[in-house]
Amino acid sequence: MKQPDNQTEKLPAVVSRIQEIMEQYALNANSLAKRLGYVATSKLYGILNGSAPSFGTLTDILEEFPEVSTDWLVLGRGPMLRGTDEKPPQLLQQVRGENVVVVTVDGAGNENTVFVPIPAQAGYSVQHNEAVYYQQLDQYRLPGFEKGEYRAFEVSGDSMEPTIHHRDVVVCSRVEELRLLEPGEIYVVVTSESVMLKRIKKPVRSSDTEVTLHSDNPHRYPYTMETRDIGELWRVRGYVSSYIPSAPDVTVERLWEVIEQLGFDRSTVRRHLDEGATSDATL
């Protein structure tokens, strides 16, 4: 089905790619016409002789051969068949300090965001530094989180409501050392027994042996644990939620207005409320 060299050079590039499809599937003009549902072969012969194919013809080809890449057929980008240039995620083990960190990268060497759903979190607690465990988890490339090492954890429970809700997904970056955490932020705390979502309100010094974990839910008590029990710490950078809050409570807004009219600063009142609140729970 190949044209003489001097004739092939004059053909539109897309025509040459149609010829490659015919060679790939061992087709001639007649058999391709039948595959595409054409009664006559005149349209295909016209294309093979140098006429640019119509949009409808290209669509017919892509529908009949769904494994053929649209980018390749129309634009000449990438391989002919979908997925042939895709490499499975690679697992890399990196030693950071005293910890072994497992990351996954795509074919271009970019780190993926590993998603840890609720059912997998029990295993994550004890296997988060084992490469084989990550083969069971899905990896994603999330907009805004393309560069760097991230984990995505599905949230279980109400300990961080009203900020973060059950089955929300938090996207986190790794904190290498406790002393580097930002006070007041929300963190995923990984121990050998559990994966918890908590707010850490105070800085942690190298000499500290304990850290207090807070919930945003005022019905949960603070929880103090030894720093040596923390296997990994991930700072929440964003979250994905299907929860859409209702309109603001007019009564609450009115209450704040009254508080401000009495001369109290809103942020100061919030701080006192936080200090007096009690909280606790797991991710």
Protein backbone atom coordinates (compact mmCIF):
# COMPACT_ATOMS: atom_id res chain seq x y z
CA MET A 1 0.00 0.00 0.00
CA LYS A 2 3.04 2.30 0.10
CA GLN A 3 3.37 5.00 -2.53
CA PRO A 4 6.59 5.50 -4.49
CA ASP A 5 8.99 7.68 -2.49
CA ASN A 6 8.61 10.74 -4.73
CA GLN A 7 4.81 10.55 -4.44
CA THR A 8 4.75 9.92 -0.68
CA GLU A 9 6.66 13.15 -0.06
CA LYS A 10 3.84 15.13 -1.68
CA LEU A 11 1.06 13.55 0.39
CA PRO A 12 -0.43 15.42 3.35
CA ALA A 13 1.01 14.07 6.58
CA VAL A 14 -2.41 12.90 7.77
CA VAL A 15 -2.76 10.78 4.61
CA SER A 16 0.53 9.06 5.40
CA ARG A 17 -0.78 8.31 8.88
CA ILE A 18 -3.95 6.79 7.43
CA GLN A 19 -1.71 4.57 5.31
CA GLU A 20 0.12 3.51 8.48
CA ILE A 21 -3.21 2.54 10.04
CA MET A 22 -4.00 0.41 6.99
CA GLU A 23 -0.62 -1.30 7.28
CA GLN A 24 -1.08 -1.79 11.03
CA TYR A 25 -4.37 -3.64 10.47
CA ALA A 26 -3.45 -5.25 7.11
CA LEU A 27 -6.18 -3.37 5.22
CA ASN A 28 -6.56 -2.15 1.67
CA ALA A 29 -8.92 0.55 0.42
CA ASN A 30 -11.75 -1.92 -0.09
CA SER A 31 -11.52 -3.60 3.32
CA LEU A 32 -11.08 -0.26 5.10
CA ALA A 33 -14.18 1.08 3.34
CA LYS A 34 -16.15 -1.89 4.64
CA ARG A 35 -14.85 -1.34 8.18
CA LEU A 36 -15.95 2.29 8.01
CA GLY A 37 -19.35 1.43 6.56
CA TYR A 38 -18.73 3.09 3.20
CA VAL A 39 -20.62 1.65 0.21
CA ALA A 40 -18.04 2.88 -2.30
CA THR A 41 -14.26 3.13 -2.09
CA SER A 42 -13.96 6.34 -4.13
CA LYS A 43 -13.60 8.53 -1.03
CA LEU A 44 -10.70 6.47 0.31
CA TYR A 45 -8.97 6.25 -3.06
CA GLY A 46 -9.20 10.02 -3.30
CA ILE A 47 -7.54 10.37 0.10
CA LEU A 48 -4.82 7.86 -0.73
CA ASN A 49 -4.09 9.81 -3.91
CA GLY A 50 -3.46 12.99 -1.93
CA SER A 51 -6.84 14.56 -1.07
CA ALA A 52 -7.08 15.82 2.51
CA PRO A 53 -9.59 13.74 4.51
CA SER A 54 -12.67 15.48 5.85
CA PHE A 55 -13.39 15.82 9.55
CA GLY A 56 -16.12 13.21 9.16
CA THR A 57 -13.69 10.68 7.70
CA LEU A 58 -11.22 11.21 10.54
CA THR A 59 -14.04 10.78 13.04
CA ASP A 60 -15.12 7.55 11.34
CA ILE A 61 -11.58 6.18 11.56
CA LEU A 62 -11.21 7.07 15.23
CA GLU A 63 -14.58 5.52 16.09
CA GLU A 64 -13.74 2.30 14.24
CA PHE A 65 -10.23 2.12 15.75
CA PRO A 66 -10.63 3.55 19.28
CA GLU A 67 -7.13 2.46 20.22
CA VAL A 68 -5.68 4.90 17.66
CA SER A 69 -4.58 8.15 19.29
CA THR A 70 -6.46 11.27 18.19
CA ASP A 71 -3.36 13.41 18.76
CA TRP A 72 -1.31 11.11 16.54
CA LEU A 73 -3.83 10.91 13.69
CA VAL A 74 -4.75 14.60 13.58
CA LEU A 75 -1.58 16.32 14.82
CA GLY A 76 1.14 13.71 14.45
CA ARG A 77 1.96 13.81 18.18
CA GLY A 78 2.94 10.77 20.19
CA PRO A 79 2.54 7.10 19.22
CA MET A 80 -0.13 5.66 16.96
CA LEU A 81 -1.75 3.51 19.63
CA ARG A 82 -2.97 4.82 22.96
CA GLY A 83 -0.93 3.88 25.98
CA THR A 84 2.08 2.51 24.13
CA ASP A 85 4.37 5.25 25.45
CA GLU A 86 2.98 5.21 28.98
CA LYS A 87 5.15 3.69 31.65
CA PRO A 88 3.69 2.30 34.86
CA PRO A 89 4.42 4.39 37.94
CA GLN A 90 7.89 3.72 39.27
CA LEU A 91 8.52 3.24 42.97
CA LEU A 92 11.50 5.00 44.49
CA GLN A 93 12.80 4.74 48.03
CA GLN A 94 14.48 7.85 49.35
CA VAL A 95 16.38 8.02 52.63
CA ARG A 96 15.63 11.24 54.49
CA GLY A 97 17.18 11.55 57.88
CA GLU A 98 16.34 8.38 59.78
CA ASN A 99 13.30 7.60 57.62
CA VAL A 100 12.87 5.71 54.36
CA VAL A 101 10.33 7.55 52.19
CA VAL A 102 8.63 5.82 49.26
CA VAL A 103 7.55 8.00 46.33
CA THR A 104 6.03 7.11 42.96
CA VAL A 105 7.01 8.81 39.72
CA ASP A 106 5.57 8.78 36.22
CA GLY A 107 7.44 8.01 33.02
CA ALA A 108 8.91 11.52 32.94
CA GLY A 109 10.22 11.26 36.49
CA ASN A 110 7.58 13.54 38.03
CA GLU A 111 6.31 12.54 41.45
CA ASN A 112 2.69 11.40 41.64
CA THR A 113 0.24 12.14 44.43
CA VAL A 114 -0.53 8.84 46.15
CA PHE A 115 -4.13 8.52 47.34
CA VAL A 116 -4.67 6.68 50.63
CA PRO A 117 -8.40 5.86 51.02
CA ILE A 118 -9.97 5.04 54.38
CA PRO A 119 -9.78 1.21 53.95
CA ALA A 120 -6.04 1.41 53.22
CA GLN A 121 -5.07 3.58 56.18
CA ALA A 122 -4.66 0.72 58.63
CA GLY A 123 -2.04 -0.72 56.30
CA TYR A 124 -0.44 2.68 55.74
CA SER A 125 0.27 3.00 59.46
CA VAL A 126 2.62 0.01 59.40
CA GLN A 127 3.69 -0.16 55.73
CA HIS A 128 4.19 3.46 54.71
CA ASN A 129 7.91 2.86 54.16
CA GLU A 130 7.48 -0.34 52.11
CA ALA A 131 7.50 0.01 48.32
CA VAL A 132 5.29 -3.02 47.70
CA TYR A 133 2.43 -1.39 49.64
CA TYR A 134 2.22 1.52 47.19
CA GLN A 135 1.54 -0.80 44.26
CA GLN A 136 -1.95 -1.26 45.71
CA LEU A 137 -2.71 2.47 45.81
CA ASP A 138 -3.88 4.82 43.07
CA GLN A 139 -1.63 7.67 41.95
CA TYR A 140 -2.76 10.97 40.48
CA ARG A 141 -1.47 14.21 39.00
CA LEU A 142 -3.52 16.95 40.67
CA PRO A 143 -3.77 20.52 39.31
CA GLY A 144 -1.72 22.83 41.49
CA PHE A 145 0.22 19.94 43.04
CA GLU A 146 2.33 18.83 40.06
CA LYS A 147 5.74 19.59 41.56
CA GLY A 148 6.84 18.11 44.85
CA GLU A 149 5.97 15.19 47.07
CA TYR A 150 2.32 14.97 48.10
CA ARG A 151 -0.03 12.46 49.70
CA ALA A 152 -3.82 12.52 49.55
CA PHE A 153 -5.71 11.04 52.51
CA GLU A 154 -9.43 10.36 52.71
CA VAL A 155 -10.90 11.71 55.95
CA SER A 156 -12.92 9.53 58.31
CA GLY A 157 -15.01 10.92 61.16
CA ASP A 158 -16.08 14.35 62.37
CA SER A 159 -13.12 15.40 64.52
CA MET A 160 -12.18 18.29 62.19
CA GLU A 161 -15.69 19.57 61.49
CA PRO A 162 -16.75 22.19 60.64
CA THR A 163 -13.44 22.77 58.79
CA ILE A 164 -13.06 19.38 57.08
CA HIS A 165 -15.77 16.75 56.78
CA HIS A 166 -16.08 12.97 56.64
CA ARG A 167 -14.86 11.57 53.28
CA ASP A 168 -13.20 14.83 52.24
CA VAL A 169 -9.74 14.25 50.74
CA VAL A 170 -6.84 16.29 52.13
CA VAL A 171 -3.77 16.88 49.96
CA CYS A 172 -0.61 17.16 52.01
CA SER A 173 3.11 17.88 51.75
CA ARG A 174 5.64 16.08 53.91
CA VAL A 175 7.18 17.73 56.98
CA GLU A 176 10.72 16.42 57.33
CA GLU A 177 11.15 17.32 61.01
CA LEU A 178 8.72 18.25 63.77
CA ARG A 179 10.58 21.48 64.48
CA LEU A 180 9.79 22.63 60.92
CA LEU A 181 6.01 22.49 61.32
CA GLU A 182 3.93 25.68 61.12
CA PRO A 183 1.92 26.22 64.33
CA GLY A 184 -1.82 26.51 63.83
CA GLU A 185 -1.94 24.40 60.65
CA ILE A 186 -3.70 21.07 60.10
CA TYR A 187 -1.59 17.91 59.82
CA VAL A 188 -1.95 14.23 59.06
CA VAL A 189 -0.13 12.44 61.87
CA VAL A 190 0.95 8.88 61.10
CA THR A 191 1.82 6.48 63.92
CA SER A 192 2.25 2.72 63.97
CA GLU A 193 -1.37 2.39 65.09
CA SER A 194 -3.34 5.07 63.27
CA VAL A 195 -3.55 7.90 60.76
CA MET A 196 -4.97 11.05 62.37
CA LEU A 197 -6.02 14.46 61.09
CA LYS A 198 -5.27 17.11 63.73
CA ARG A 199 -4.37 20.73 64.23
CA ILE A 200 -1.06 21.46 65.96
CA LYS A 201 -1.28 24.86 67.59
CA LYS A 202 2.17 25.29 69.14
CA PRO A 203 5.71 24.95 67.74
CA VAL A 204 7.62 21.79 68.56
CA ARG A 205 11.26 22.17 69.57
CA SER A 206 13.93 19.53 69.11
CA SER A 207 14.02 19.01 72.88
CA ASP A 208 10.25 18.48 73.19
CA THR A 209 9.15 14.93 73.93
CA GLU A 210 5.40 15.50 73.57
CA VAL A 211 3.05 17.25 71.18
CA THR A 212 -0.61 18.15 71.69
CA LEU A 213 -3.04 17.41 68.87
CA HIS A 214 -6.26 19.41 68.60
CA SER A 215 -9.54 18.81 66.79
CA ASP A 216 -11.64 21.61 65.32
CA ASN A 217 -14.75 19.86 66.61
CA PRO A 218 -15.38 21.47 70.04
CA HIS A 219 -16.80 18.19 71.36
CA ARG A 220 -13.43 16.42 71.02
CA TYR A 221 -10.72 16.68 73.64
CA PRO A 222 -7.06 17.55 72.87
CA TYR A 223 -4.76 14.57 72.63
CA THR A 224 -1.15 14.54 73.80
CA MET A 225 1.30 12.00 72.41
CA GLU A 226 5.04 11.39 72.50
CA THR A 227 6.95 12.81 69.55
CA ARG A 228 8.90 9.56 69.13
CA ASP A 229 5.64 7.79 68.20
CA ILE A 230 5.16 9.94 65.09
CA GLY A 231 6.28 8.03 62.00
CA GLU A 232 5.29 10.62 59.41
CA LEU A 233 3.87 14.13 59.47
CA TRP A 234 2.05 15.68 56.51
CA ARG A 235 0.88 19.30 56.37
CA VAL A 236 -2.52 19.85 54.74
CA ARG A 237 -2.15 22.12 51.70
CA GLY A 238 -5.66 21.78 50.31
CA TYR A 239 -8.63 19.49 50.20
CA VAL A 240 -11.28 18.11 47.88
CA SER A 241 -14.81 18.10 49.24
CA SER A 242 -18.31 17.23 48.12
CA TYR A 243 -19.68 19.19 51.07
CA ILE A 244 -21.17 22.53 50.05
CA PRO A 245 -22.00 24.76 53.02
CA SER A 246 -25.37 26.41 53.26
CA ALA A 247 -25.85 30.16 53.34
CA PRO A 248 -24.21 31.92 56.34
CA ASP A 249 -26.23 31.85 59.55
CA VAL A 250 -27.69 35.32 59.91
CA THR A 251 -28.02 34.84 63.67
CA VAL A 252 -24.30 34.07 64.03
CA GLU A 253 -23.34 37.07 61.92
CA ARG A 254 -25.61 39.27 64.02
CA LEU A 255 -23.95 37.93 67.17
CA TRP A 256 -20.53 38.90 65.83
CA GLU A 257 -21.82 42.37 65.06
CA VAL A 258 -23.00 42.77 68.65
CA ILE A 259 -19.65 41.52 69.98
CA GLU A 260 -17.79 44.08 67.85
CA GLN A 261 -20.19 46.84 68.92
CA LEU A 262 -19.28 46.04 72.51
CA GLY A 263 -15.67 46.78 71.62
CA PHE A 264 -14.28 43.25 71.40
CA ASP A 265 -11.96 42.23 68.58
CA ARG A 266 -13.27 39.25 66.58
CA SER A 267 -9.87 37.52 66.29
CA THR A 268 -9.27 37.89 70.04
CA VAL A 269 -12.65 36.34 70.82
CA ARG A 270 -11.92 33.46 68.44
CA ARG A 271 -8.56 32.84 70.12
CA HIS A 272 -10.16 32.66 73.55
CA LEU A 273 -12.80 30.28 72.21
CA ASP A 274 -10.09 28.06 70.72
CA GLU A 275 -8.17 28.00 73.99
CA GLY A 276 -11.29 27.00 75.88
CA ALA A 277 -12.50 24.40 73.38
CA THR A 278 -11.90 20.69 73.87
CA SER A 279 -11.36 18.09 71.11
CA ASP A 280 -9.99 14.56 69.77
CA ALA A 281 -10.33 11.73 67.11
CA THR A 282 -8.70 9.91 64.21
CA LEU A 283 -8.56 10.70 60.50
